[in-house]
Amino acid sequence: MKVVELRNGIGAGTLQDAQWVKARASDGLNECVELAEVGESIAVRNSRDPEGPALIFTRSELAAFVDGASKGEFSAMTV
């Protein structure tokens, strides 16, 4: 596996060994975000631009986001 320096905005296409996961609720038009484990971090990319930039989060950062989303803290942004 090629060692890549992880940083926000890294091209998702450079994360060659990443196994991207899309939510089952995705609409089939590739309008979803995808996540992949990359070492100890989690990468997030836009499924409409799979070679585009990826955001890199720690597991605790992503857990805090998922917790907030599950409590509806971001629901107003999805309407």
PDB file of N, CA and C in Angstrom:
ATOM      1  N   MET A   1       0.837  -1.187   0.000  1.00  0.00           N
ATOM      2  CA  MET A   1       0.000   0.000   0.000  1.00  0.00           C
ATOM      3  C   MET A   1       0.874   1.240   0.000  1.00  0.00           C
ATOM      4  N   LYS A   2       0.623   2.128  -0.927  1.00  0.00           N
ATOM      5  CA  LYS A   2       1.362   3.374  -1.035  1.00  0.00           C
ATOM      6  C   LYS A   2       0.986   4.300   0.116  1.00  0.00           C
ATOM      7  N   VAL A   3       1.975   4.874   0.776  1.00  0.00           N
ATOM      8  CA  VAL A   3       1.720   5.788   1.890  1.00  0.00           C
ATOM      9  C   VAL A   3       1.417   7.172   1.320  1.00  0.00           C
ATOM     10  N   VAL A   4       0.270   7.700   1.710  1.00  0.00           N
ATOM     11  CA  VAL A   4      -0.174   9.009   1.247  1.00  0.00           C
ATOM     12  C   VAL A   4      -0.365   9.889   2.472  1.00  0.00           C
ATOM     13  N   GLU A   5       0.128  11.134   2.405  1.00  0.00           N
ATOM     14  CA  GLU A   5      -0.092  12.078   3.507  1.00  0.00           C
ATOM     15  C   GLU A   5      -1.549  12.512   3.485  1.00  0.00           C
ATOM     16  N   LEU A   6      -2.272  12.182   4.552  1.00  0.00           N
ATOM     17  CA  LEU A   6      -3.687  12.538   4.625  1.00  0.00           C
ATOM     18  C   LEU A   6      -3.845  13.997   5.007  1.00  0.00           C
ATOM     19  N   ARG A   7      -4.671  14.701   4.247  1.00  0.00           N
ATOM     20  CA  ARG A   7      -4.980  16.092   4.541  1.00  0.00           C
ATOM     21  C   ARG A   7      -6.325  16.403   3.918  1.00  0.00           C
ATOM     22  N   ASN A   8      -7.046  17.346   4.481  1.00  0.00           N
ATOM     23  CA  ASN A   8      -8.321  17.754   3.907  1.00  0.00           C
ATOM     24  C   ASN A   8      -8.107  18.286   2.499  1.00  0.00           C
ATOM     25  N   GLY A   9      -8.984  17.859   1.600  1.00  0.00           N
ATOM     26  CA  GLY A   9      -8.891  18.288   0.218  1.00  0.00           C
ATOM     27  C   GLY A   9      -8.059  17.370  -0.650  1.00  0.00           C
ATOM     28  N   ILE A  10      -7.515  16.305  -0.065  1.00  0.00           N
ATOM     29  CA  ILE A  10      -6.739  15.357  -0.848  1.00  0.00           C
ATOM     30  C   ILE A  10      -7.641  14.762  -1.927  1.00  0.00           C
ATOM     31  N   GLY A  11      -7.124  14.517  -3.090  1.00  0.00           N
ATOM     32  CA  GLY A  11      -7.922  13.912  -4.155  1.00  0.00           C
ATOM     33  C   GLY A  11      -8.363  12.511  -3.746  1.00  0.00           C
ATOM     34  N   ALA A  12      -9.678  12.272  -3.755  1.00  0.00           N
ATOM     35  CA  ALA A  12     -10.199  10.960  -3.349  1.00  0.00           C
ATOM     36  C   ALA A  12      -9.624   9.861  -4.226  1.00  0.00           C
ATOM     37  N   GLY A  13      -9.314  10.165  -5.470  1.00  0.00           N
ATOM     38  CA  GLY A  13      -8.731   9.177  -6.373  1.00  0.00           C
ATOM     39  C   GLY A  13      -7.342   8.721  -5.962  1.00  0.00           C
ATOM     40  N   THR A  14      -6.664   9.499  -5.119  1.00  0.00           N
ATOM     41  CA  THR A  14      -5.324   9.093  -4.666  1.00  0.00           C
ATOM     42  C   THR A  14      -5.393   8.094  -3.522  1.00  0.00           C
ATOM     43  N   LEU A  15      -6.584   7.913  -2.962  1.00  0.00           N
ATOM     44  CA  LEU A  15      -6.776   6.953  -1.866  1.00  0.00           C
ATOM     45  C   LEU A  15      -7.138   5.606  -2.486  1.00  0.00           C
ATOM     46  N   GLN A  16      -6.193   5.035  -3.206  1.00  0.00           N
ATOM     47  CA  GLN A  16      -6.440   3.882  -4.060  1.00  0.00           C
ATOM     48  C   GLN A  16      -6.939   2.640  -3.332  1.00  0.00           C
ATOM     49  N   ASP A  17      -6.542   2.432  -2.107  1.00  0.00           N
ATOM     50  CA  ASP A  17      -6.957   1.233  -1.375  1.00  0.00           C
ATOM     51  C   ASP A  17      -8.234   1.445  -0.572  1.00  0.00           C
ATOM     52  N   ALA A  18      -8.813   2.637  -0.664  1.00  0.00           N
ATOM     53  CA  ALA A  18     -10.027   2.947   0.107  1.00  0.00           C
ATOM     54  C   ALA A  18     -11.214   2.140  -0.421  1.00  0.00           C
ATOM     55  N   GLN A  19     -11.979   1.586   0.504  1.00  0.00           N
ATOM     56  CA  GLN A  19     -13.222   0.892   0.176  1.00  0.00           C
ATOM     57  C   GLN A  19     -14.368   1.822   0.543  1.00  0.00           C
ATOM     58  N   TRP A  20     -14.913   2.514  -0.434  1.00  0.00           N
ATOM     59  CA  TRP A  20     -15.938   3.529  -0.197  1.00  0.00           C
ATOM     60  C   TRP A  20     -17.287   2.885   0.066  1.00  0.00           C
ATOM     61  N   VAL A  21     -18.016   3.450   1.027  1.00  0.00           N
ATOM     62  CA  VAL A  21     -19.340   2.956   1.421  1.00  0.00           C
ATOM     63  C   VAL A  21     -20.339   4.094   1.243  1.00  0.00           C
ATOM     64  N   LYS A  22     -21.438   3.770   0.561  1.00  0.00           N
ATOM     65  CA  LYS A  22     -22.499   4.746   0.321  1.00  0.00           C
ATOM     66  C   LYS A  22     -23.716   4.324   1.133  1.00  0.00           C
ATOM     67  N   ALA A  23     -24.448   5.291   1.661  1.00  0.00           N
ATOM     68  CA  ALA A  23     -25.662   5.000   2.419  1.00  0.00           C
ATOM     69  C   ALA A  23     -26.682   4.295   1.538  1.00  0.00           C
ATOM     70  N   ARG A  24     -27.381   3.335   2.087  1.00  0.00           N
ATOM     71  CA  ARG A  24     -28.431   2.631   1.349  1.00  0.00           C
ATOM     72  C   ARG A  24     -29.557   3.571   0.938  1.00  0.00           C
ATOM     73  N   ALA A  25     -29.689   4.689   1.632  1.00  0.00           N
ATOM     74  CA  ALA A  25     -30.736   5.658   1.314  1.00  0.00           C
ATOM     75  C   ALA A  25     -30.387   6.522   0.099  1.00  0.00           C
ATOM     76  N   SER A  26     -29.224   6.306  -0.503  1.00  0.00           N
ATOM     77  CA  SER A  26     -28.826   7.073  -1.671  1.00  0.00           C
ATOM     78  C   SER A  26     -29.881   6.936  -2.767  1.00  0.00           C
ATOM     79  N   ASP A  27     -30.076   7.997  -3.533  1.00  0.00           N
ATOM     80  CA  ASP A  27     -31.180   8.025  -4.487  1.00  0.00           C
ATOM     81  C   ASP A  27     -30.898   7.373  -5.841  1.00  0.00           C
ATOM     82  N   GLY A  28     -29.765   6.770  -6.050  1.00  0.00           N
ATOM     83  CA  GLY A  28     -29.470   6.126  -7.319  1.00  0.00           C
ATOM     84  C   GLY A  28     -28.935   7.083  -8.376  1.00  0.00           C
ATOM     85  N   LEU A  29     -28.946   8.364  -8.101  1.00  0.00           N
ATOM     86  CA  LEU A  29     -28.395   9.355  -9.026  1.00  0.00           C
ATOM     87  C   LEU A  29     -27.010   9.806  -8.570  1.00  0.00           C
ATOM     88  N   ASN A  30     -26.411   9.026  -7.690  1.00  0.00           N
ATOM     89  CA  ASN A  30     -25.104   9.351  -7.115  1.00  0.00           C
ATOM     90  C   ASN A  30     -25.118  10.660  -6.348  1.00  0.00           C
ATOM     91  N   GLU A  31     -26.244  10.988  -5.746  1.00  0.00           N
ATOM     92  CA  GLU A  31     -26.322  12.189  -4.932  1.00  0.00           C
ATOM     93  C   GLU A  31     -26.245  11.792  -3.476  1.00  0.00           C
ATOM     94  N   CYS A  32     -25.048  11.481  -3.055  1.00  0.00           N
ATOM     95  CA  CYS A  32     -24.824  11.002  -1.697  1.00  0.00           C
ATOM     96  C   CYS A  32     -23.371  11.267  -1.338  1.00  0.00           C
ATOM     97  N   VAL A  33     -23.056  11.130  -0.092  1.00  0.00           N
ATOM     98  CA  VAL A  33     -21.661  11.144   0.325  1.00  0.00           C
ATOM     99  C   VAL A  33     -21.238   9.707   0.589  1.00  0.00           C
ATOM    100  N   GLU A  34     -19.960   9.448   0.460  1.00  0.00           N
ATOM    101  CA  GLU A  34     -19.409   8.133   0.706  1.00  0.00           C
ATOM    102  C   GLU A  34     -18.302   8.258   1.738  1.00  0.00           C
ATOM    103  N   LEU A  35     -18.144   7.228   2.555  1.00  0.00           N
ATOM    104  CA  LEU A  35     -17.110   7.203   3.578  1.00  0.00           C
ATOM    105  C   LEU A  35     -16.198   6.019   3.357  1.00  0.00           C
ATOM    106  N   ALA A  36     -14.940   6.168   3.787  1.00  0.00           N
ATOM    107  CA  ALA A  36     -13.978   5.076   3.712  1.00  0.00           C
ATOM    108  C   ALA A  36     -13.017   5.183   4.885  1.00  0.00           C
ATOM    109  N   GLU A  37     -12.652   4.028   5.427  1.00  0.00           N
ATOM    110  CA  GLU A  37     -11.610   3.999   6.446  1.00  0.00           C
ATOM    111  C   GLU A  37     -10.268   4.156   5.745  1.00  0.00           C
ATOM    112  N   VAL A  38      -9.476   5.079   6.233  1.00  0.00           N
ATOM    113  CA  VAL A  38      -8.147   5.316   5.682  1.00  0.00           C
ATOM    114  C   VAL A  38      -7.199   5.378   6.872  1.00  0.00           C
ATOM    115  N   GLY A  39      -6.566   4.261   7.147  1.00  0.00           N
ATOM    116  CA  GLY A  39      -5.733   4.183   8.339  1.00  0.00           C
ATOM    117  C   GLY A  39      -6.603   4.358   9.569  1.00  0.00           C
ATOM    118  N   GLU A  40      -6.238   5.290  10.430  1.00  0.00           N
ATOM    119  CA  GLU A  40      -7.001   5.561  11.644  1.00  0.00           C
ATOM    120  C   GLU A  40      -8.055   6.639  11.420  1.00  0.00           C
ATOM    121  N   SER A  41      -8.151   7.142  10.205  1.00  0.00           N
ATOM    122  CA  SER A  41      -9.069   8.236   9.891  1.00  0.00           C
ATOM    123  C   SER A  41     -10.222   7.759   9.023  1.00  0.00           C
ATOM    124  N   ILE A  42     -11.186   8.659   8.825  1.00  0.00           N
ATOM    125  CA  ILE A  42     -12.317   8.410   7.947  1.00  0.00           C
ATOM    126  C   ILE A  42     -12.317   9.491   6.877  1.00  0.00           C
ATOM    127  N   ALA A  43     -12.360   9.054   5.618  1.00  0.00           N
ATOM    128  CA  ALA A  43     -12.425   9.993   4.498  1.00  0.00           C
ATOM    129  C   ALA A  43     -13.874  10.086   4.036  1.00  0.00           C
ATOM    130  N   VAL A  44     -14.280  11.290   3.610  1.00  0.00           N
ATOM    131  CA  VAL A  44     -15.630  11.537   3.115  1.00  0.00           C
ATOM    132  C   VAL A  44     -15.495  12.196   1.748  1.00  0.00           C
ATOM    133  N   ARG A  45     -16.253  11.668   0.761  1.00  0.00           N
ATOM    134  CA  ARG A  45     -16.228  12.265  -0.575  1.00  0.00           C
ATOM    135  C   ARG A  45     -17.651  12.403  -1.111  1.00  0.00           C
ATOM    136  N   ASN A  46     -17.805  13.243  -2.099  1.00  0.00           N
ATOM    137  CA  ASN A  46     -19.072  13.436  -2.790  1.00  0.00           C
ATOM    138  C   ASN A  46     -19.157  12.373  -3.884  1.00  0.00           C
ATOM    139  N   SER A  47     -20.195  11.562  -3.877  1.00  0.00           N
ATOM    140  CA  SER A  47     -20.294  10.479  -4.848  1.00  0.00           C
ATOM    141  C   SER A  47     -20.446  10.991  -6.283  1.00  0.00           C
ATOM    142  N   ARG A  48     -20.876  12.232  -6.475  1.00  0.00           N
ATOM    143  CA  ARG A  48     -20.957  12.809  -7.822  1.00  0.00           C
ATOM    144  C   ARG A  48     -19.590  13.160  -8.382  1.00  0.00           C
ATOM    145  N   ASP A  49     -18.586  13.227  -7.517  1.00  0.00           N
ATOM    146  CA  ASP A  49     -17.224  13.582  -7.940  1.00  0.00           C
ATOM    147  C   ASP A  49     -16.227  12.651  -7.254  1.00  0.00           C
ATOM    148  N   PRO A  50     -16.223  11.362  -7.631  1.00  0.00           N
ATOM    149  CA  PRO A  50     -15.409  10.380  -6.919  1.00  0.00           C
ATOM    150  C   PRO A  50     -13.904  10.611  -6.987  1.00  0.00           C
ATOM    151  N   GLU A  51     -13.438  11.403  -7.928  1.00  0.00           N
ATOM    152  CA  GLU A  51     -12.009  11.719  -8.008  1.00  0.00           C
ATOM    153  C   GLU A  51     -11.697  13.050  -7.330  1.00  0.00           C
ATOM    154  N   GLY A  52     -12.738  13.762  -6.918  1.00  0.00           N
ATOM    155  CA  GLY A  52     -12.575  15.087  -6.333  1.00  0.00           C
ATOM    156  C   GLY A  52     -12.016  15.050  -4.922  1.00  0.00           C
ATOM    157  N   PRO A  53     -12.100  16.167  -4.224  1.00  0.00           N
ATOM    158  CA  PRO A  53     -11.499  16.269  -2.895  1.00  0.00           C
ATOM    159  C   PRO A  53     -12.231  15.428  -1.848  1.00  0.00           C
ATOM    160  N   ALA A  54     -11.464  14.939  -0.907  1.00  0.00           N
ATOM    161  CA  ALA A  54     -12.012  14.202   0.235  1.00  0.00           C
ATOM    162  C   ALA A  54     -11.689  14.974   1.507  1.00  0.00           C
ATOM    163  N   LEU A  55     -12.624  14.941   2.427  1.00  0.00           N
ATOM    164  CA  LEU A  55     -12.378  15.504   3.753  1.00  0.00           C
ATOM    165  C   LEU A  55     -11.958  14.366   4.671  1.00  0.00           C
ATOM    166  N   ILE A  56     -11.002  14.633   5.527  1.00  0.00           N
ATOM    167  CA  ILE A  56     -10.458  13.620   6.427  1.00  0.00           C
ATOM    168  C   ILE A  56     -10.845  13.971   7.855  1.00  0.00           C
ATOM    169  N   PHE A  57     -11.456  13.010   8.552  1.00  0.00           N
ATOM    170  CA  PHE A  57     -11.893  13.214   9.931  1.00  0.00           C
ATOM    171  C   PHE A  57     -11.337  12.133  10.834  1.00  0.00           C
ATOM    172  N   THR A  58     -11.145  12.477  12.099  1.00  0.00           N
ATOM    173  CA  THR A  58     -10.829  11.458  13.088  1.00  0.00           C
ATOM    174  C   THR A  58     -12.113  10.704  13.395  1.00  0.00           C
ATOM    175  N   ARG A  59     -11.981   9.538  13.985  1.00  0.00           N
ATOM    176  CA  ARG A  59     -13.173   8.764  14.345  1.00  0.00           C
ATOM    177  C   ARG A  59     -14.041   9.526  15.354  1.00  0.00           C
ATOM    178  N   SER A  60     -13.411  10.243  16.286  1.00  0.00           N
ATOM    179  CA  SER A  60     -14.200  10.982  17.277  1.00  0.00           C
ATOM    180  C   SER A  60     -14.925  12.160  16.641  1.00  0.00           C
ATOM    181  N   GLU A  61     -14.324  12.819  15.664  1.00  0.00           N
ATOM    182  CA  GLU A  61     -15.017  13.900  14.961  1.00  0.00           C
ATOM    183  C   GLU A  61     -16.241  13.368  14.227  1.00  0.00           C
ATOM    184  N   LEU A  62     -16.081  12.251  13.537  1.00  0.00           N
ATOM    185  CA  LEU A  62     -17.200  11.672  12.810  1.00  0.00           C
ATOM    186  C   LEU A  62     -18.276  11.175  13.767  1.00  0.00           C
ATOM    187  N   ALA A  63     -17.872  10.601  14.888  1.00  0.00           N
ATOM    188  CA  ALA A  63     -18.848  10.132  15.883  1.00  0.00           C
ATOM    189  C   ALA A  63     -19.668  11.303  16.417  1.00  0.00           C
ATOM    190  N   ALA A  64     -19.041  12.445  16.643  1.00  0.00           N
ATOM    191  CA  ALA A  64     -19.765  13.619  17.124  1.00  0.00           C
ATOM    192  C   ALA A  64     -20.765  14.093  16.070  1.00  0.00           C
ATOM    193  N   PHE A  65     -20.377  14.060  14.800  1.00  0.00           N
ATOM    194  CA  PHE A  65     -21.296  14.444  13.733  1.00  0.00           C
ATOM    195  C   PHE A  65     -22.482  13.484  13.657  1.00  0.00           C
ATOM    196  N   VAL A  66     -22.214  12.190  13.659  1.00  0.00           N
ATOM    197  CA  VAL A  66     -23.284  11.188  13.575  1.00  0.00           C
ATOM    198  C   VAL A  66     -24.235  11.337  14.755  1.00  0.00           C
ATOM    199  N   ASP A  67     -23.699  11.576  15.947  1.00  0.00           N
ATOM    200  CA  ASP A  67     -24.532  11.778  17.120  1.00  0.00           C
ATOM    201  C   ASP A  67     -25.450  12.984  16.928  1.00  0.00           C
ATOM    202  N   GLY A  68     -24.889  14.094  16.474  1.00  0.00           N
ATOM    203  CA  GLY A  68     -25.698  15.293  16.241  1.00  0.00           C
ATOM    204  C   GLY A  68     -26.739  15.068  15.160  1.00  0.00           C
ATOM    205  N   ALA A  69     -26.356  14.373  14.085  1.00  0.00           N
ATOM    206  CA  ALA A  69     -27.310  14.090  13.005  1.00  0.00           C
ATOM    207  C   ALA A  69     -28.442  13.200  13.497  1.00  0.00           C
ATOM    208  N   SER A  70     -28.113  12.217  14.322  1.00  0.00           N
ATOM    209  CA  SER A  70     -29.154  11.313  14.816  1.00  0.00           C
ATOM    210  C   SER A  70     -30.136  12.024  15.755  1.00  0.00           C
ATOM    211  N   LYS A  71     -29.699  13.135  16.336  1.00  0.00           N
ATOM    212  CA  LYS A  71     -30.565  13.935  17.208  1.00  0.00           C
ATOM    213  C   LYS A  71     -31.277  15.051  16.456  1.00  0.00           C
ATOM    214  N   GLY A  72     -31.109  15.108  15.130  1.00  0.00           N
ATOM    215  CA  GLY A  72     -31.791  16.094  14.317  1.00  0.00           C
ATOM    216  C   GLY A  72     -31.173  17.474  14.314  1.00  0.00           C
ATOM    217  N   GLU A  73     -29.944  17.618  14.813  1.00  0.00           N
ATOM    218  CA  GLU A  73     -29.324  18.938  14.921  1.00  0.00           C
ATOM    219  C   GLU A  73     -29.072  19.600  13.570  1.00  0.00           C
ATOM    220  N   PHE A  74     -29.037  18.841  12.476  1.00  0.00           N
ATOM    221  CA  PHE A  74     -28.749  19.406  11.167  1.00  0.00           C
ATOM    222  C   PHE A  74     -29.938  19.294  10.219  1.00  0.00           C
ATOM    223  N   SER A  75     -31.068  18.859  10.730  1.00  0.00           N
ATOM    224  CA  SER A  75     -32.243  18.605   9.889  1.00  0.00           C
ATOM    225  C   SER A  75     -32.692  19.827   9.104  1.00  0.00           C
ATOM    226  N   ALA A  76     -32.578  20.994   9.662  1.00  0.00           N
ATOM    227  CA  ALA A  76     -33.001  22.206   8.961  1.00  0.00           C
ATOM    228  C   ALA A  76     -32.201  22.443   7.683  1.00  0.00           C
ATOM    229  N   MET A  77     -31.023  21.870   7.588  1.00  0.00           N
ATOM    230  CA  MET A  77     -30.170  22.056   6.410  1.00  0.00           C
ATOM    231  C   MET A  77     -30.515  21.103   5.279  1.00  0.00           C
ATOM    232  N   THR A  78     -31.396  20.146   5.517  1.00  0.00           N
ATOM    233  CA  THR A  78     -31.709  19.146   4.487  1.00  0.00           C
ATOM    234  C   THR A  78     -33.026  19.425   3.779  1.00  0.00           C
ATOM    235  N   VAL A  79     -33.666  20.532   4.093  1.00  0.00           N
ATOM    236  CA  VAL A  79     -34.950  20.843   3.459  1.00  0.00           C
ATOM    237  C   VAL A  79     -34.794  21.854   2.369  1.00  0.00           C
TER     238      VAL A  79
END
